[in-house]
Amino acid sequence: MPRRTIIRYVVLSAVSAALVLCAPPVRADEGYFAAGETGVSYLGEWASGSLTPGTAAVGVRAGYRWESWDVFGVADQVFWFDPELGGAADPILNIGAGVGLRHIGGHVRSSVTLGTSTLLFDTRLTQAGKVGAFIEVQPAGFRLPVADRWNLEFHPLGFVLSSPVLTEIPLFNASYRTSLAVEATF
């Protein structure tokens, strides 16, 4: 991996960590929450010299939070970009459930999500509608309070493995995703 790519992620993570450590404490959010989030995977693409993301995602997350823990459901529309086809975006739908843990005064959140991954486009070998599995691991996302009951959450680097086709010839995508979410608590 090129040194510049590593430096970009280290600088981005350091700036995020500095903002979090200087921010006021995140209030103890007990109860329900909902978030809209978006993300792109650039890490592998930057390493190969491409400026086009490998994947882009937009989705919603909602759940319940108590003490340092939260459980949630998530639905993400993920677009796989194919540079060989002029950057065409092929969609899949990931729906799942996860668990999260907040630490460092509520400023850092880690989570794991498991669920189904549904193919929404036809391939030469498989028709749309096939259902497989996905896993998403977000080791350290930074949370900043932006208003009463509103938080901004930034995950500099998470890992997503989506495999909507598990039979025949498996179809999967492994990506390192950078994501941003706006969260409201109730």
C-alpha atoms as a PDB file:
ATOM      1  CA  MET A   1       0.000   0.000   0.000  1.00  0.00           C
ATOM      2  CA  PRO A   2       1.437   3.408  -0.926  1.00  0.00           C
ATOM      3  CA  ARG A   3       2.810   5.491   1.893  1.00  0.00           C
ATOM      4  CA  ARG A   4       0.579   8.469   0.943  1.00  0.00           C
ATOM      5  CA  THR A   5      -2.550   6.361   1.436  1.00  0.00           C
ATOM      6  CA  ILE A   6      -1.468   5.344   4.919  1.00  0.00           C
ATOM      7  CA  ILE A   7      -0.553   8.936   5.796  1.00  0.00           C
ATOM      8  CA  ARG A   8      -4.004  10.169   4.650  1.00  0.00           C
ATOM      9  CA  TYR A   9      -5.800   7.761   6.967  1.00  0.00           C
ATOM     10  CA  VAL A  10      -3.470   8.431   9.904  1.00  0.00           C
ATOM     11  CA  VAL A  11      -3.957  12.206   9.562  1.00  0.00           C
ATOM     12  CA  LEU A  12      -7.739  11.845   9.159  1.00  0.00           C
ATOM     13  CA  SER A  13      -7.935   9.610  12.241  1.00  0.00           C
ATOM     14  CA  ALA A  14      -5.672  11.897  14.304  1.00  0.00           C
ATOM     15  CA  VAL A  15      -7.759  14.988  13.493  1.00  0.00           C
ATOM     16  CA  SER A  16     -10.960  13.103  14.374  1.00  0.00           C
ATOM     17  CA  ALA A  17      -9.485  11.867  17.657  1.00  0.00           C
ATOM     18  CA  ALA A  18      -8.330  15.389  18.581  1.00  0.00           C
ATOM     19  CA  LEU A  19     -11.816  16.805  17.925  1.00  0.00           C
ATOM     20  CA  VAL A  20     -13.400  14.095  20.054  1.00  0.00           C
ATOM     21  CA  LEU A  21     -11.015  14.530  22.978  1.00  0.00           C
ATOM     22  CA  CYS A  22     -11.584  18.310  23.017  1.00  0.00           C
ATOM     23  CA  ALA A  23     -15.377  18.048  22.720  1.00  0.00           C
ATOM     24  CA  PRO A  24     -17.788  18.234  25.666  1.00  0.00           C
ATOM     25  CA  PRO A  25     -18.951  14.849  26.983  1.00  0.00           C
ATOM     26  CA  VAL A  26     -21.687  13.100  25.047  1.00  0.00           C
ATOM     27  CA  ARG A  27     -24.739  12.965  27.296  1.00  0.00           C
ATOM     28  CA  ALA A  28     -25.778   9.567  28.581  1.00  0.00           C
ATOM     29  CA  ASP A  29     -28.303   8.685  25.894  1.00  0.00           C
ATOM     30  CA  GLU A  30     -30.670   6.070  27.269  1.00  0.00           C
ATOM     31  CA  GLY A  31     -33.551   5.052  25.054  1.00  0.00           C
ATOM     32  CA  TYR A  32     -34.259   4.993  21.354  1.00  0.00           C
ATOM     33  CA  PHE A  33     -32.120   6.432  18.569  1.00  0.00           C
ATOM     34  CA  ALA A  34     -32.194   6.714  14.780  1.00  0.00           C
ATOM     35  CA  ALA A  35     -29.440   7.661  12.346  1.00  0.00           C
ATOM     36  CA  GLY A  36     -28.969   8.294   8.664  1.00  0.00           C
ATOM     37  CA  GLU A  37     -25.548   7.379   7.345  1.00  0.00           C
ATOM     38  CA  THR A  38     -23.476   7.338   4.204  1.00  0.00           C
ATOM     39  CA  GLY A  39     -20.070   5.906   3.401  1.00  0.00           C
ATOM     40  CA  VAL A  40     -17.540   5.143   0.693  1.00  0.00           C
ATOM     41  CA  SER A  41     -14.647   2.721   0.372  1.00  0.00           C
ATOM     42  CA  TYR A  42     -11.530   4.404  -0.943  1.00  0.00           C
ATOM     43  CA  LEU A  43      -8.641   2.685   0.848  1.00  0.00           C
ATOM     44  CA  GLY A  44      -8.033  -0.130  -1.643  1.00  0.00           C
ATOM     45  CA  GLU A  45      -8.827   2.106  -4.602  1.00  0.00           C
ATOM     46  CA  TRP A  46      -6.344   4.800  -3.504  1.00  0.00           C
ATOM     47  CA  ALA A  47      -3.702   2.092  -3.207  1.00  0.00           C
ATOM     48  CA  SER A  48      -4.274   1.142  -6.852  1.00  0.00           C
ATOM     49  CA  GLY A  49      -4.299   4.790  -7.994  1.00  0.00           C
ATOM     50  CA  SER A  50      -8.046   5.063  -8.694  1.00  0.00           C
ATOM     51  CA  LEU A  51     -10.107   8.067  -7.619  1.00  0.00           C
ATOM     52  CA  THR A  52     -13.392   6.155  -7.998  1.00  0.00           C
ATOM     53  CA  PRO A  53     -14.689   4.514  -4.810  1.00  0.00           C
ATOM     54  CA  GLY A  54     -15.067   0.740  -4.833  1.00  0.00           C
ATOM     55  CA  THR A  55     -18.406   1.002  -3.037  1.00  0.00           C
ATOM     56  CA  ALA A  56     -20.739   3.690  -1.763  1.00  0.00           C
ATOM     57  CA  ALA A  57     -23.537   3.188   0.742  1.00  0.00           C
ATOM     58  CA  VAL A  58     -26.496   5.085   2.115  1.00  0.00           C
ATOM     59  CA  GLY A  59     -28.707   3.766   4.875  1.00  0.00           C
ATOM     60  CA  VAL A  60     -30.568   4.055   8.151  1.00  0.00           C
ATOM     61  CA  ARG A  61     -29.918   2.640  11.603  1.00  0.00           C
ATOM     62  CA  ALA A  62     -32.348   2.578  14.536  1.00  0.00           C
ATOM     63  CA  GLY A  63     -32.254   0.937  17.922  1.00  0.00           C
ATOM     64  CA  TYR A  64     -32.229   1.115  21.685  1.00  0.00           C
ATOM     65  CA  ARG A  65     -29.394   2.249  23.936  1.00  0.00           C
ATOM     66  CA  TRP A  66     -28.742   1.642  27.641  1.00  0.00           C
ATOM     67  CA  GLU A  67     -25.638   2.335  29.716  1.00  0.00           C
ATOM     68  CA  SER A  68     -22.711   1.852  27.290  1.00  0.00           C
ATOM     69  CA  TRP A  69     -24.485  -0.642  25.016  1.00  0.00           C
ATOM     70  CA  ASP A  70     -26.839  -0.404  22.077  1.00  0.00           C
ATOM     71  CA  VAL A  71     -28.696  -2.866  19.874  1.00  0.00           C
ATOM     72  CA  PHE A  72     -29.924  -1.783  16.468  1.00  0.00           C
ATOM     73  CA  GLY A  73     -31.295  -2.711  13.099  1.00  0.00           C
ATOM     74  CA  VAL A  74     -29.752  -1.394   9.893  1.00  0.00           C
ATOM     75  CA  ALA A  75     -30.726  -1.164   6.216  1.00  0.00           C
ATOM     76  CA  ASP A  76     -28.074  -0.083   3.684  1.00  0.00           C
ATOM     77  CA  GLN A  77     -28.297   0.354  -0.070  1.00  0.00           C
ATOM     78  CA  VAL A  78     -24.766  -0.398  -1.291  1.00  0.00           C
ATOM     79  CA  PHE A  79     -23.496   0.408  -4.779  1.00  0.00           C
ATOM     80  CA  TRP A  80     -20.608  -1.568  -6.263  1.00  0.00           C
ATOM     81  CA  PHE A  81     -18.699   0.499  -8.830  1.00  0.00           C
ATOM     82  CA  ASP A  82     -17.182  -1.368 -11.756  1.00  0.00           C
ATOM     83  CA  PRO A  83     -14.395   0.613 -13.467  1.00  0.00           C
ATOM     84  CA  GLU A  84     -14.339  -1.931 -16.318  1.00  0.00           C
ATOM     85  CA  LEU A  85     -17.924  -0.953 -17.200  1.00  0.00           C
ATOM     86  CA  GLY A  86     -17.309   2.788 -17.113  1.00  0.00           C
ATOM     87  CA  GLY A  87     -17.979   3.092 -13.378  1.00  0.00           C
ATOM     88  CA  ALA A  88     -21.463   1.526 -13.474  1.00  0.00           C
ATOM     89  CA  ALA A  89     -23.039   1.217 -10.023  1.00  0.00           C
ATOM     90  CA  ASP A  90     -24.528  -2.190  -9.247  1.00  0.00           C
ATOM     91  CA  PRO A  91     -26.796  -2.149  -6.145  1.00  0.00           C
ATOM     92  CA  ILE A  92     -27.212  -4.594  -3.294  1.00  0.00           C
ATOM     93  CA  LEU A  93     -29.319  -4.274  -0.140  1.00  0.00           C
ATOM     94  CA  ASN A  94     -27.891  -5.163   3.284  1.00  0.00           C
ATOM     95  CA  ILE A  95     -30.368  -5.591   6.157  1.00  0.00           C
ATOM     96  CA  GLY A  96     -29.213  -6.710   9.570  1.00  0.00           C
ATOM     97  CA  ALA A  97     -28.960  -6.366  13.324  1.00  0.00           C
ATOM     98  CA  GLY A  98     -26.033  -5.363  15.443  1.00  0.00           C
ATOM     99  CA  VAL A  99     -24.623  -4.489  18.809  1.00  0.00           C
ATOM    100  CA  GLY A 100     -22.557  -1.439  19.726  1.00  0.00           C
ATOM    101  CA  LEU A 101     -20.418  -0.352  22.664  1.00  0.00           C
ATOM    102  CA  ARG A 102     -19.645   3.268  23.583  1.00  0.00           C
ATOM    103  CA  HIS A 103     -16.511   4.150  25.527  1.00  0.00           C
ATOM    104  CA  ILE A 104     -14.198   7.097  26.342  1.00  0.00           C
ATOM    105  CA  GLY A 105     -17.024   9.192  27.757  1.00  0.00           C
ATOM    106  CA  GLY A 106     -19.389   8.188  24.959  1.00  0.00           C
ATOM    107  CA  HIS A 107     -17.113   9.746  22.330  1.00  0.00           C
ATOM    108  CA  VAL A 108     -16.028   6.457  20.731  1.00  0.00           C
ATOM    109  CA  ARG A 109     -18.391   3.757  19.466  1.00  0.00           C
ATOM    110  CA  SER A 110     -17.514   0.263  18.261  1.00  0.00           C
ATOM    111  CA  SER A 111     -20.024  -2.067  16.620  1.00  0.00           C
ATOM    112  CA  VAL A 112     -20.587  -5.358  14.817  1.00  0.00           C
ATOM    113  CA  THR A 113     -23.501  -5.979  12.435  1.00  0.00           C
ATOM    114  CA  LEU A 114     -24.651  -9.255  10.832  1.00  0.00           C
ATOM    115  CA  GLY A 115     -27.447  -9.759   8.346  1.00  0.00           C
ATOM    116  CA  THR A 116     -28.661 -10.570   4.868  1.00  0.00           C
ATOM    117  CA  SER A 117     -27.269  -9.216   1.616  1.00  0.00           C
ATOM    118  CA  THR A 118     -29.644  -9.184  -1.369  1.00  0.00           C
ATOM    119  CA  LEU A 119     -28.507  -8.915  -4.986  1.00  0.00           C
ATOM    120  CA  LEU A 120     -30.493  -6.194  -6.803  1.00  0.00           C
ATOM    121  CA  PHE A 121     -28.944  -6.593 -10.262  1.00  0.00           C
ATOM    122  CA  ASP A 122     -28.565  -9.415 -12.770  1.00  0.00           C
ATOM    123  CA  THR A 123     -25.138 -10.869 -13.481  1.00  0.00           C
ATOM    124  CA  ARG A 124     -24.213 -13.207 -16.327  1.00  0.00           C
ATOM    125  CA  LEU A 125     -24.562 -16.165 -13.953  1.00  0.00           C
ATOM    126  CA  THR A 126     -27.122 -15.063 -11.367  1.00  0.00           C
ATOM    127  CA  GLN A 127     -30.433 -13.230 -11.400  1.00  0.00           C
ATOM    128  CA  ALA A 128     -31.355 -10.403  -9.044  1.00  0.00           C
ATOM    129  CA  GLY A 129     -33.049 -11.490  -5.827  1.00  0.00           C
ATOM    130  CA  LYS A 130     -30.414 -13.907  -4.520  1.00  0.00           C
ATOM    131  CA  VAL A 131     -29.918 -13.569  -0.756  1.00  0.00           C
ATOM    132  CA  GLY A 132     -26.642 -14.150   1.049  1.00  0.00           C
ATOM    133  CA  ALA A 133     -24.992 -12.628   4.114  1.00  0.00           C
ATOM    134  CA  PHE A 134     -22.964  -9.639   5.251  1.00  0.00           C
ATOM    135  CA  ILE A 135     -20.878  -8.598   8.242  1.00  0.00           C
ATOM    136  CA  GLU A 136     -19.759  -5.092   9.150  1.00  0.00           C
ATOM    137  CA  VAL A 137     -17.176  -4.283  11.830  1.00  0.00           C
ATOM    138  CA  GLN A 138     -16.631  -0.681  12.915  1.00  0.00           C
ATOM    139  CA  PRO A 139     -13.805  -0.751  15.483  1.00  0.00           C
ATOM    140  CA  ALA A 140     -13.716   2.944  16.445  1.00  0.00           C
ATOM    141  CA  GLY A 141     -16.162   5.639  15.387  1.00  0.00           C
ATOM    142  CA  PHE A 142     -15.900   9.123  16.822  1.00  0.00           C
ATOM    143  CA  ARG A 143     -19.097  10.717  18.214  1.00  0.00           C
ATOM    144  CA  LEU A 144     -19.528  14.467  18.607  1.00  0.00           C
ATOM    145  CA  PRO A 145     -22.575  16.176  20.126  1.00  0.00           C
ATOM    146  CA  VAL A 146     -23.812  18.863  17.715  1.00  0.00           C
ATOM    147  CA  ALA A 147     -27.077  19.870  19.443  1.00  0.00           C
ATOM    148  CA  ASP A 148     -29.385  18.640  22.176  1.00  0.00           C
ATOM    149  CA  ARG A 149     -30.151  14.989  21.345  1.00  0.00           C
ATOM    150  CA  TRP A 150     -28.176  15.150  18.074  1.00  0.00           C
ATOM    151  CA  ASN A 151     -24.775  13.556  17.438  1.00  0.00           C
ATOM    152  CA  LEU A 152     -22.435  13.377  14.483  1.00  0.00           C
ATOM    153  CA  GLU A 153     -20.634  10.042  14.140  1.00  0.00           C
ATOM    154  CA  PHE A 154     -17.538   9.528  11.974  1.00  0.00           C
ATOM    155  CA  HIS A 155     -15.994   6.118  11.309  1.00  0.00           C
ATOM    156  CA  PRO A 156     -12.626   6.603   9.590  1.00  0.00           C
ATOM    157  CA  LEU A 157     -12.223   2.912   8.836  1.00  0.00           C
ATOM    158  CA  GLY A 158     -14.685   0.032   9.069  1.00  0.00           C
ATOM    159  CA  PHE A 159     -14.695  -3.372   7.369  1.00  0.00           C
ATOM    160  CA  VAL A 160     -17.660  -4.691   5.359  1.00  0.00           C
ATOM    161  CA  LEU A 161     -17.932  -8.123   3.749  1.00  0.00           C
ATOM    162  CA  SER A 162     -21.055  -8.488   1.567  1.00  0.00           C
ATOM    163  CA  SER A 163     -21.836 -11.747  -0.216  1.00  0.00           C
ATOM    164  CA  PRO A 164     -25.300 -11.740  -1.814  1.00  0.00           C
ATOM    165  CA  VAL A 165     -24.582 -14.987  -3.681  1.00  0.00           C
ATOM    166  CA  LEU A 166     -23.283 -17.889  -1.572  1.00  0.00           C
ATOM    167  CA  THR A 167     -24.163 -20.752  -3.929  1.00  0.00           C
ATOM    168  CA  GLU A 168     -22.964 -21.503  -7.449  1.00  0.00           C
ATOM    169  CA  ILE A 169     -20.008 -19.167  -7.976  1.00  0.00           C
ATOM    170  CA  PRO A 170     -19.976 -16.951  -4.854  1.00  0.00           C
ATOM    171  CA  LEU A 171     -20.211 -13.201  -5.410  1.00  0.00           C
ATOM    172  CA  PHE A 172     -18.713 -11.048  -2.671  1.00  0.00           C
ATOM    173  CA  ASN A 173     -17.119  -7.702  -1.951  1.00  0.00           C
ATOM    174  CA  ALA A 174     -14.740  -6.937   0.912  1.00  0.00           C
ATOM    175  CA  SER A 175     -14.175  -3.234   1.522  1.00  0.00           C
ATOM    176  CA  TYR A 176     -12.803  -0.793   4.055  1.00  0.00           C
ATOM    177  CA  ARG A 177     -15.486   1.864   4.457  1.00  0.00           C
ATOM    178  CA  THR A 178     -15.260   5.428   5.749  1.00  0.00           C
ATOM    179  CA  SER A 179     -18.674   6.592   6.946  1.00  0.00           C
ATOM    180  CA  LEU A 180     -20.498   9.562   8.422  1.00  0.00           C
ATOM    181  CA  ALA A 181     -23.808   9.457  10.326  1.00  0.00           C
ATOM    182  CA  VAL A 182     -26.198  11.975  11.859  1.00  0.00           C
ATOM    183  CA  GLU A 183     -27.964  10.514  14.899  1.00  0.00           C
ATOM    184  CA  ALA A 184     -31.018  11.640  16.867  1.00  0.00           C
ATOM    185  CA  THR A 185     -31.972  10.257  20.287  1.00  0.00           C
ATOM    186  CA  PHE A 186     -35.521  10.061  21.678  1.00  0.00           C
END
